Amino acid sequence: MSSSLPAVYILILAVLAGGIGWFSTPKGPNQTLVRTSILLTLACCYLMWMVTFLAQVHPLERPRRSLVEE
């Protein structure tokens, strides 16, 4: 069995990056758009990483041994 610690570590990293992006956006008319773009980008990247990670840790099918005789 694999540990769930990598998923938690990456989630904490993504939340910290989102917080930094939230507080570092400059004031202006597009502040909400920039914040939304940053948070959506981080959320999509985390979800893509998590799907790939889980697909490798818990595959849907077991590998099959080929019975080719030479």
PDB file of N, CA and C in Angstrom:
ATOM      1  N   MET A   1       0.828  -1.183   0.000  1.00  0.00           N
ATOM      2  CA  MET A   1       0.000   0.000   0.000  1.00  0.00           C
ATOM      3  C   MET A   1       0.873   1.248   0.000  1.00  0.00           C
ATOM      4  N   SER A   2       0.371   2.237  -0.664  1.00  0.00           N
ATOM      5  CA  SER A   2       1.093   3.481  -0.753  1.00  0.00           C
ATOM      6  C   SER A   2       0.625   4.439   0.335  1.00  0.00           C
ATOM      7  N   SER A   3       1.495   5.315   0.705  1.00  0.00           N
ATOM      8  CA  SER A   3       1.157   6.306   1.708  1.00  0.00           C
ATOM      9  C   SER A   3       0.386   7.457   1.077  1.00  0.00           C
ATOM     10  N   SER A   4      -0.464   8.088   1.855  1.00  0.00           N
ATOM     11  CA  SER A   4      -1.213   9.242   1.359  1.00  0.00           C
ATOM     12  C   SER A   4      -0.483  10.550   1.640  1.00  0.00           C
ATOM     13  N   LEU A   5       0.716  10.468   2.186  1.00  0.00           N
ATOM     14  CA  LEU A   5       1.459  11.680   2.512  1.00  0.00           C
ATOM     15  C   LEU A   5       1.829  12.534   1.294  1.00  0.00           C
ATOM     16  N   PRO A   6       2.204  11.968   0.145  1.00  0.00           N
ATOM     17  CA  PRO A   6       2.495  12.833  -1.002  1.00  0.00           C
ATOM     18  C   PRO A   6       1.298  13.677  -1.425  1.00  0.00           C
ATOM     19  N   ALA A   7       0.119  13.112  -1.366  1.00  0.00           N
ATOM     20  CA  ALA A   7      -1.083  13.870  -1.744  1.00  0.00           C
ATOM     21  C   ALA A   7      -1.322  15.023  -0.774  1.00  0.00           C
ATOM     22  N   VAL A   8      -1.105  14.778   0.502  1.00  0.00           N
ATOM     23  CA  VAL A   8      -1.288  15.827   1.506  1.00  0.00           C
ATOM     24  C   VAL A   8      -0.225  16.910   1.343  1.00  0.00           C
ATOM     25  N   TYR A   9       1.018  16.512   1.105  1.00  0.00           N
ATOM     26  CA  TYR A   9       2.093  17.493   0.933  1.00  0.00           C
ATOM     27  C   TYR A   9       1.850  18.388  -0.280  1.00  0.00           C
ATOM     28  N   ILE A  10       1.447  17.796  -1.383  1.00  0.00           N
ATOM     29  CA  ILE A  10       1.193  18.588  -2.586  1.00  0.00           C
ATOM     30  C   ILE A  10      -0.026  19.484  -2.385  1.00  0.00           C
ATOM     31  N   LEU A  11      -1.040  18.994  -1.660  1.00  0.00           N
ATOM     32  CA  LEU A  11      -2.209  19.830  -1.375  1.00  0.00           C
ATOM     33  C   LEU A  11      -1.824  21.037  -0.533  1.00  0.00           C
ATOM     34  N   ILE A  12      -1.007  20.826   0.492  1.00  0.00           N
ATOM     35  CA  ILE A  12      -0.536  21.934   1.321  1.00  0.00           C
ATOM     36  C   ILE A  12       0.270  22.915   0.482  1.00  0.00           C
ATOM     37  N   LEU A  13       1.115  22.405  -0.403  1.00  0.00           N
ATOM     38  CA  LEU A  13       1.901  23.266  -1.288  1.00  0.00           C
ATOM     39  C   LEU A  13       1.002  24.093  -2.211  1.00  0.00           C
ATOM     40  N   ALA A  14      -0.043  23.469  -2.751  1.00  0.00           N
ATOM     41  CA  ALA A  14      -0.971  24.182  -3.637  1.00  0.00           C
ATOM     42  C   ALA A  14      -1.758  25.244  -2.873  1.00  0.00           C
ATOM     43  N   VAL A  15      -2.172  24.928  -1.650  1.00  0.00           N
ATOM     44  CA  VAL A  15      -2.899  25.910  -0.839  1.00  0.00           C
ATOM     45  C   VAL A  15      -1.993  27.085  -0.486  1.00  0.00           C
ATOM     46  N   LEU A  16      -0.744  26.802  -0.152  1.00  0.00           N
ATOM     47  CA  LEU A  16       0.202  27.892   0.142  1.00  0.00           C
ATOM     48  C   LEU A  16       0.454  28.758  -1.092  1.00  0.00           C
ATOM     49  N   ALA A  17       0.599  28.125  -2.248  1.00  0.00           N
ATOM     50  CA  ALA A  17       0.786  28.892  -3.477  1.00  0.00           C
ATOM     51  C   ALA A  17      -0.457  29.726  -3.791  1.00  0.00           C
ATOM     52  N   GLY A  18      -1.641  29.183  -3.514  1.00  0.00           N
ATOM     53  CA  GLY A  18      -2.867  29.951  -3.712  1.00  0.00           C
ATOM     54  C   GLY A  18      -2.956  31.143  -2.785  1.00  0.00           C
ATOM     55  N   GLY A  19      -2.535  30.952  -1.545  1.00  0.00           N
ATOM     56  CA  GLY A  19      -2.516  32.071  -0.591  1.00  0.00           C
ATOM     57  C   GLY A  19      -1.541  33.157  -0.998  1.00  0.00           C
ATOM     58  N   ILE A  20      -0.381  32.741  -1.477  1.00  0.00           N
ATOM     59  CA  ILE A  20       0.598  33.720  -1.953  1.00  0.00           C
ATOM     60  C   ILE A  20       0.059  34.464  -3.170  1.00  0.00           C
ATOM     61  N   GLY A  21      -0.571  33.728  -4.076  1.00  0.00           N
ATOM     62  CA  GLY A  21      -1.161  34.366  -5.254  1.00  0.00           C
ATOM     63  C   GLY A  21      -2.303  35.291  -4.892  1.00  0.00           C
ATOM     64  N   TRP A  22      -3.082  34.915  -3.879  1.00  0.00           N
ATOM     65  CA  TRP A  22      -4.217  35.731  -3.456  1.00  0.00           C
ATOM     66  C   TRP A  22      -3.747  37.077  -2.902  1.00  0.00           C
ATOM     67  N   PHE A  23      -2.724  37.037  -2.037  1.00  0.00           N
ATOM     68  CA  PHE A  23      -2.289  38.266  -1.385  1.00  0.00           C
ATOM     69  C   PHE A  23      -1.292  39.071  -2.205  1.00  0.00           C
ATOM     70  N   SER A  24      -0.736  38.502  -3.263  1.00  0.00           N
ATOM     71  CA  SER A  24       0.262  39.233  -4.046  1.00  0.00           C
ATOM     72  C   SER A  24      -0.315  39.855  -5.313  1.00  0.00           C
ATOM     73  N   THR A  25      -1.605  39.681  -5.566  1.00  0.00           N
ATOM     74  CA  THR A  25      -2.182  40.294  -6.765  1.00  0.00           C
ATOM     75  C   THR A  25      -2.282  41.806  -6.567  1.00  0.00           C
ATOM     76  N   PRO A  26      -1.919  42.562  -7.603  1.00  0.00           N
ATOM     77  CA  PRO A  26      -1.968  44.022  -7.473  1.00  0.00           C
ATOM     78  C   PRO A  26      -3.416  44.518  -7.491  1.00  0.00           C
ATOM     79  N   LYS A  27      -3.618  45.645  -6.823  1.00  0.00           N
ATOM     80  CA  LYS A  27      -4.936  46.277  -6.815  1.00  0.00           C
ATOM     81  C   LYS A  27      -5.237  46.808  -8.208  1.00  0.00           C
ATOM     82  N   GLY A  28      -6.492  46.757  -8.585  1.00  0.00           N
ATOM     83  CA  GLY A  28      -6.875  47.266  -9.893  1.00  0.00           C
ATOM     84  C   GLY A  28      -8.211  46.699 -10.322  1.00  0.00           C
ATOM     85  N   PRO A  29      -8.626  47.064 -11.512  1.00  0.00           N
ATOM     86  CA  PRO A  29      -9.935  46.606 -11.969  1.00  0.00           C
ATOM     87  C   PRO A  29      -9.977  45.108 -12.297  1.00  0.00           C
ATOM     88  N   ASN A  30      -8.839  44.501 -12.539  1.00  0.00           N
ATOM     89  CA  ASN A  30      -8.794  43.079 -12.902  1.00  0.00           C
ATOM     90  C   ASN A  30      -8.318  42.190 -11.753  1.00  0.00           C
ATOM     91  N   GLN A  31      -8.361  42.686 -10.545  1.00  0.00           N
ATOM     92  CA  GLN A  31      -7.855  41.924  -9.404  1.00  0.00           C
ATOM     93  C   GLN A  31      -8.641  40.622  -9.214  1.00  0.00           C
ATOM     94  N   THR A  32      -9.950  40.690  -9.337  1.00  0.00           N
ATOM     95  CA  THR A  32     -10.765  39.486  -9.168  1.00  0.00           C
ATOM     96  C   THR A  32     -10.472  38.469 -10.262  1.00  0.00           C
ATOM     97  N   LEU A  33     -10.287  38.936 -11.491  1.00  0.00           N
ATOM     98  CA  LEU A  33      -9.979  38.035 -12.607  1.00  0.00           C
ATOM     99  C   LEU A  33      -8.633  37.348 -12.407  1.00  0.00           C
ATOM    100  N   VAL A  34      -7.647  38.086 -11.957  1.00  0.00           N
ATOM    101  CA  VAL A  34      -6.315  37.519 -11.737  1.00  0.00           C
ATOM    102  C   VAL A  34      -6.357  36.498 -10.601  1.00  0.00           C
ATOM    103  N   ARG A  35      -7.036  36.836  -9.517  1.00  0.00           N
ATOM    104  CA  ARG A  35      -7.142  35.891  -8.393  1.00  0.00           C
ATOM    105  C   ARG A  35      -7.857  34.608  -8.805  1.00  0.00           C
ATOM    106  N   THR A  36      -8.947  34.773  -9.542  1.00  0.00           N
ATOM    107  CA  THR A  36      -9.689  33.605  -9.991  1.00  0.00           C
ATOM    108  C   THR A  36      -8.849  32.736 -10.920  1.00  0.00           C
ATOM    109  N   SER A  37      -8.101  33.373 -11.809  1.00  0.00           N
ATOM    110  CA  SER A  37      -7.243  32.627 -12.741  1.00  0.00           C
ATOM    111  C   SER A  37      -6.158  31.853 -11.999  1.00  0.00           C
ATOM    112  N   ILE A  38      -5.562  32.474 -11.017  1.00  0.00           N
ATOM    113  CA  ILE A  38      -4.504  31.812 -10.243  1.00  0.00           C
ATOM    114  C   ILE A  38      -5.067  30.616  -9.489  1.00  0.00           C
ATOM    115  N   LEU A  39      -6.195  30.810  -8.804  1.00  0.00           N
ATOM    116  CA  LEU A  39      -6.757  29.724  -8.007  1.00  0.00           C
ATOM    117  C   LEU A  39      -7.286  28.583  -8.881  1.00  0.00           C
ATOM    118  N   LEU A  40      -7.896  28.912 -10.010  1.00  0.00           N
ATOM    119  CA  LEU A  40      -8.371  27.854 -10.912  1.00  0.00           C
ATOM    120  C   LEU A  40      -7.221  27.083 -11.538  1.00  0.00           C
ATOM    121  N   THR A  41      -6.152  27.781 -11.880  1.00  0.00           N
ATOM    122  CA  THR A  41      -4.982  27.104 -12.440  1.00  0.00           C
ATOM    123  C   THR A  41      -4.377  26.136 -11.429  1.00  0.00           C
ATOM    124  N   LEU A  42      -4.229  26.585 -10.193  1.00  0.00           N
ATOM    125  CA  LEU A  42      -3.680  25.702  -9.156  1.00  0.00           C
ATOM    126  C   LEU A  42      -4.599  24.518  -8.886  1.00  0.00           C
ATOM    127  N   ALA A  43      -5.902  24.752  -8.855  1.00  0.00           N
ATOM    128  CA  ALA A  43      -6.846  23.659  -8.608  1.00  0.00           C
ATOM    129  C   ALA A  43      -6.796  22.631  -9.737  1.00  0.00           C
ATOM    130  N   CYS A  44      -6.747  23.095 -10.984  1.00  0.00           N
ATOM    131  CA  CYS A  44      -6.692  22.169 -12.125  1.00  0.00           C
ATOM    132  C   CYS A  44      -5.386  21.390 -12.149  1.00  0.00           C
ATOM    133  N   CYS A  45      -4.284  22.056 -11.857  1.00  0.00           N
ATOM    134  CA  CYS A  45      -2.992  21.357 -11.821  1.00  0.00           C
ATOM    135  C   CYS A  45      -2.971  20.312 -10.715  1.00  0.00           C
ATOM    136  N   TYR A  46      -3.519  20.654  -9.542  1.00  0.00           N
ATOM    137  CA  TYR A  46      -3.553  19.685  -8.451  1.00  0.00           C
ATOM    138  C   TYR A  46      -4.436  18.494  -8.811  1.00  0.00           C
ATOM    139  N   LEU A  47      -5.604  18.746  -9.385  1.00  0.00           N
ATOM    140  CA  LEU A  47      -6.488  17.643  -9.748  1.00  0.00           C
ATOM    141  C   LEU A  47      -5.864  16.742 -10.810  1.00  0.00           C
ATOM    142  N   MET A  48      -5.177  17.335 -11.785  1.00  0.00           N
ATOM    143  CA  MET A  48      -4.522  16.529 -12.818  1.00  0.00           C
ATOM    144  C   MET A  48      -3.414  15.679 -12.207  1.00  0.00           C
ATOM    145  N   TRP A  49      -2.650  16.273 -11.304  1.00  0.00           N
ATOM    146  CA  TRP A  49      -1.587  15.522 -10.638  1.00  0.00           C
ATOM    147  C   TRP A  49      -2.190  14.392  -9.802  1.00  0.00           C
ATOM    148  N   MET A  50      -3.275  14.688  -9.085  1.00  0.00           N
ATOM    149  CA  MET A  50      -3.885  13.685  -8.215  1.00  0.00           C
ATOM    150  C   MET A  50      -4.456  12.514  -9.019  1.00  0.00           C
ATOM    151  N   VAL A  51      -5.095  12.795 -10.141  1.00  0.00           N
ATOM    152  CA  VAL A  51      -5.628  11.729 -10.983  1.00  0.00           C
ATOM    153  C   VAL A  51      -4.495  10.854 -11.515  1.00  0.00           C
ATOM    154  N   THR A  52      -3.415  11.473 -11.967  1.00  0.00           N
ATOM    155  CA  THR A  52      -2.270  10.715 -12.465  1.00  0.00           C
ATOM    156  C   THR A  52      -1.627   9.891 -11.352  1.00  0.00           C
ATOM    157  N   PHE A  53      -1.484  10.486 -10.184  1.00  0.00           N
ATOM    158  CA  PHE A  53      -0.891   9.789  -9.036  1.00  0.00           C
ATOM    159  C   PHE A  53      -1.740   8.588  -8.639  1.00  0.00           C
ATOM    160  N   LEU A  54      -3.045   8.782  -8.534  1.00  0.00           N
ATOM    161  CA  LEU A  54      -3.914   7.678  -8.136  1.00  0.00           C
ATOM    162  C   LEU A  54      -3.990   6.591  -9.195  1.00  0.00           C
ATOM    163  N   ALA A  55      -3.901   6.978 -10.466  1.00  0.00           N
ATOM    164  CA  ALA A  55      -3.928   5.979 -11.529  1.00  0.00           C
ATOM    165  C   ALA A  55      -2.681   5.094 -11.491  1.00  0.00           C
ATOM    166  N   GLN A  56      -1.576   5.642 -11.034  1.00  0.00           N
ATOM    167  CA  GLN A  56      -0.359   4.846 -10.936  1.00  0.00           C
ATOM    168  C   GLN A  56      -0.316   4.025  -9.658  1.00  0.00           C
ATOM    169  N   VAL A  57      -0.882   4.553  -8.583  1.00  0.00           N
ATOM    170  CA  VAL A  57      -0.847   3.842  -7.310  1.00  0.00           C
ATOM    171  C   VAL A  57      -1.888   2.728  -7.272  1.00  0.00           C
ATOM    172  N   HIS A  58      -3.089   3.015  -7.783  1.00  0.00           N
ATOM    173  CA  HIS A  58      -4.184   2.044  -7.767  1.00  0.00           C
ATOM    174  C   HIS A  58      -4.722   1.874  -9.183  1.00  0.00           C
ATOM    175  N   PRO A  59      -4.051   1.079 -10.019  1.00  0.00           N
ATOM    176  CA  PRO A  59      -4.535   0.903 -11.397  1.00  0.00           C
ATOM    177  C   PRO A  59      -5.867   0.160 -11.432  1.00  0.00           C
ATOM    178  N   LEU A  60      -6.659   0.435 -12.478  1.00  0.00           N
ATOM    179  CA  LEU A  60      -7.956  -0.220 -12.604  1.00  0.00           C
ATOM    180  C   LEU A  60      -7.811  -1.689 -12.979  1.00  0.00           C
ATOM    181  N   GLU A  61      -6.798  -2.016 -13.757  1.00  0.00           N
ATOM    182  CA  GLU A  61      -6.551  -3.401 -14.153  1.00  0.00           C
ATOM    183  C   GLU A  61      -5.171  -3.825 -13.684  1.00  0.00           C
ATOM    184  N   ARG A  62      -5.087  -5.091 -13.322  1.00  0.00           N
ATOM    185  CA  ARG A  62      -3.776  -5.631 -12.976  1.00  0.00           C
ATOM    186  C   ARG A  62      -3.001  -5.900 -14.252  1.00  0.00           C
ATOM    187  N   PRO A  63      -1.689  -5.798 -14.219  1.00  0.00           N
ATOM    188  CA  PRO A  63      -0.901  -6.176 -15.391  1.00  0.00           C
ATOM    189  C   PRO A  63      -1.070  -7.668 -15.667  1.00  0.00           C
ATOM    190  N   ARG A  64      -1.173  -8.016 -16.928  1.00  0.00           N
ATOM    191  CA  ARG A  64      -1.347  -9.421 -17.312  1.00  0.00           C
ATOM    192  C   ARG A  64      -0.044  -9.987 -17.846  1.00  0.00           C
ATOM    193  N   ARG A  65       0.231 -11.192 -17.466  1.00  0.00           N
ATOM    194  CA  ARG A  65       1.440 -11.842 -17.914  1.00  0.00           C
ATOM    195  C   ARG A  65       1.180 -12.450 -19.294  1.00  0.00           C
ATOM    196  N   SER A  66       2.063 -12.171 -20.201  1.00  0.00           N
ATOM    197  CA  SER A  66       1.922 -12.703 -21.555  1.00  0.00           C
ATOM    198  C   SER A  66       2.399 -14.148 -21.557  1.00  0.00           C
ATOM    199  N   LEU A  67       1.625 -15.029 -22.211  1.00  0.00           N
ATOM    200  CA  LEU A  67       1.944 -16.451 -22.259  1.00  0.00           C
ATOM    201  C   LEU A  67       2.502 -16.852 -23.626  1.00  0.00           C
ATOM    202  N   VAL A  68       3.337 -16.010 -24.185  1.00  0.00           N
ATOM    203  CA  VAL A  68       3.915 -16.292 -25.486  1.00  0.00           C
ATOM    204  C   VAL A  68       5.095 -17.254 -25.290  1.00  0.00           C
ATOM    205  N   GLU A  69       5.051 -18.364 -26.021  1.00  0.00           N
ATOM    206  CA  GLU A  69       6.136 -19.348 -25.934  1.00  0.00           C
ATOM    207  C   GLU A  69       7.046 -19.177 -27.144  1.00  0.00           C
ATOM    208  N   GLU A  70       8.302 -19.245 -26.905  1.00  0.00           N
ATOM    209  CA  GLU A  70       9.252 -19.086 -28.010  1.00  0.00           C
ATOM    210  C   GLU A  70       9.878 -20.410 -28.357  1.00  0.00           C
TER     211      GLU A  70
END
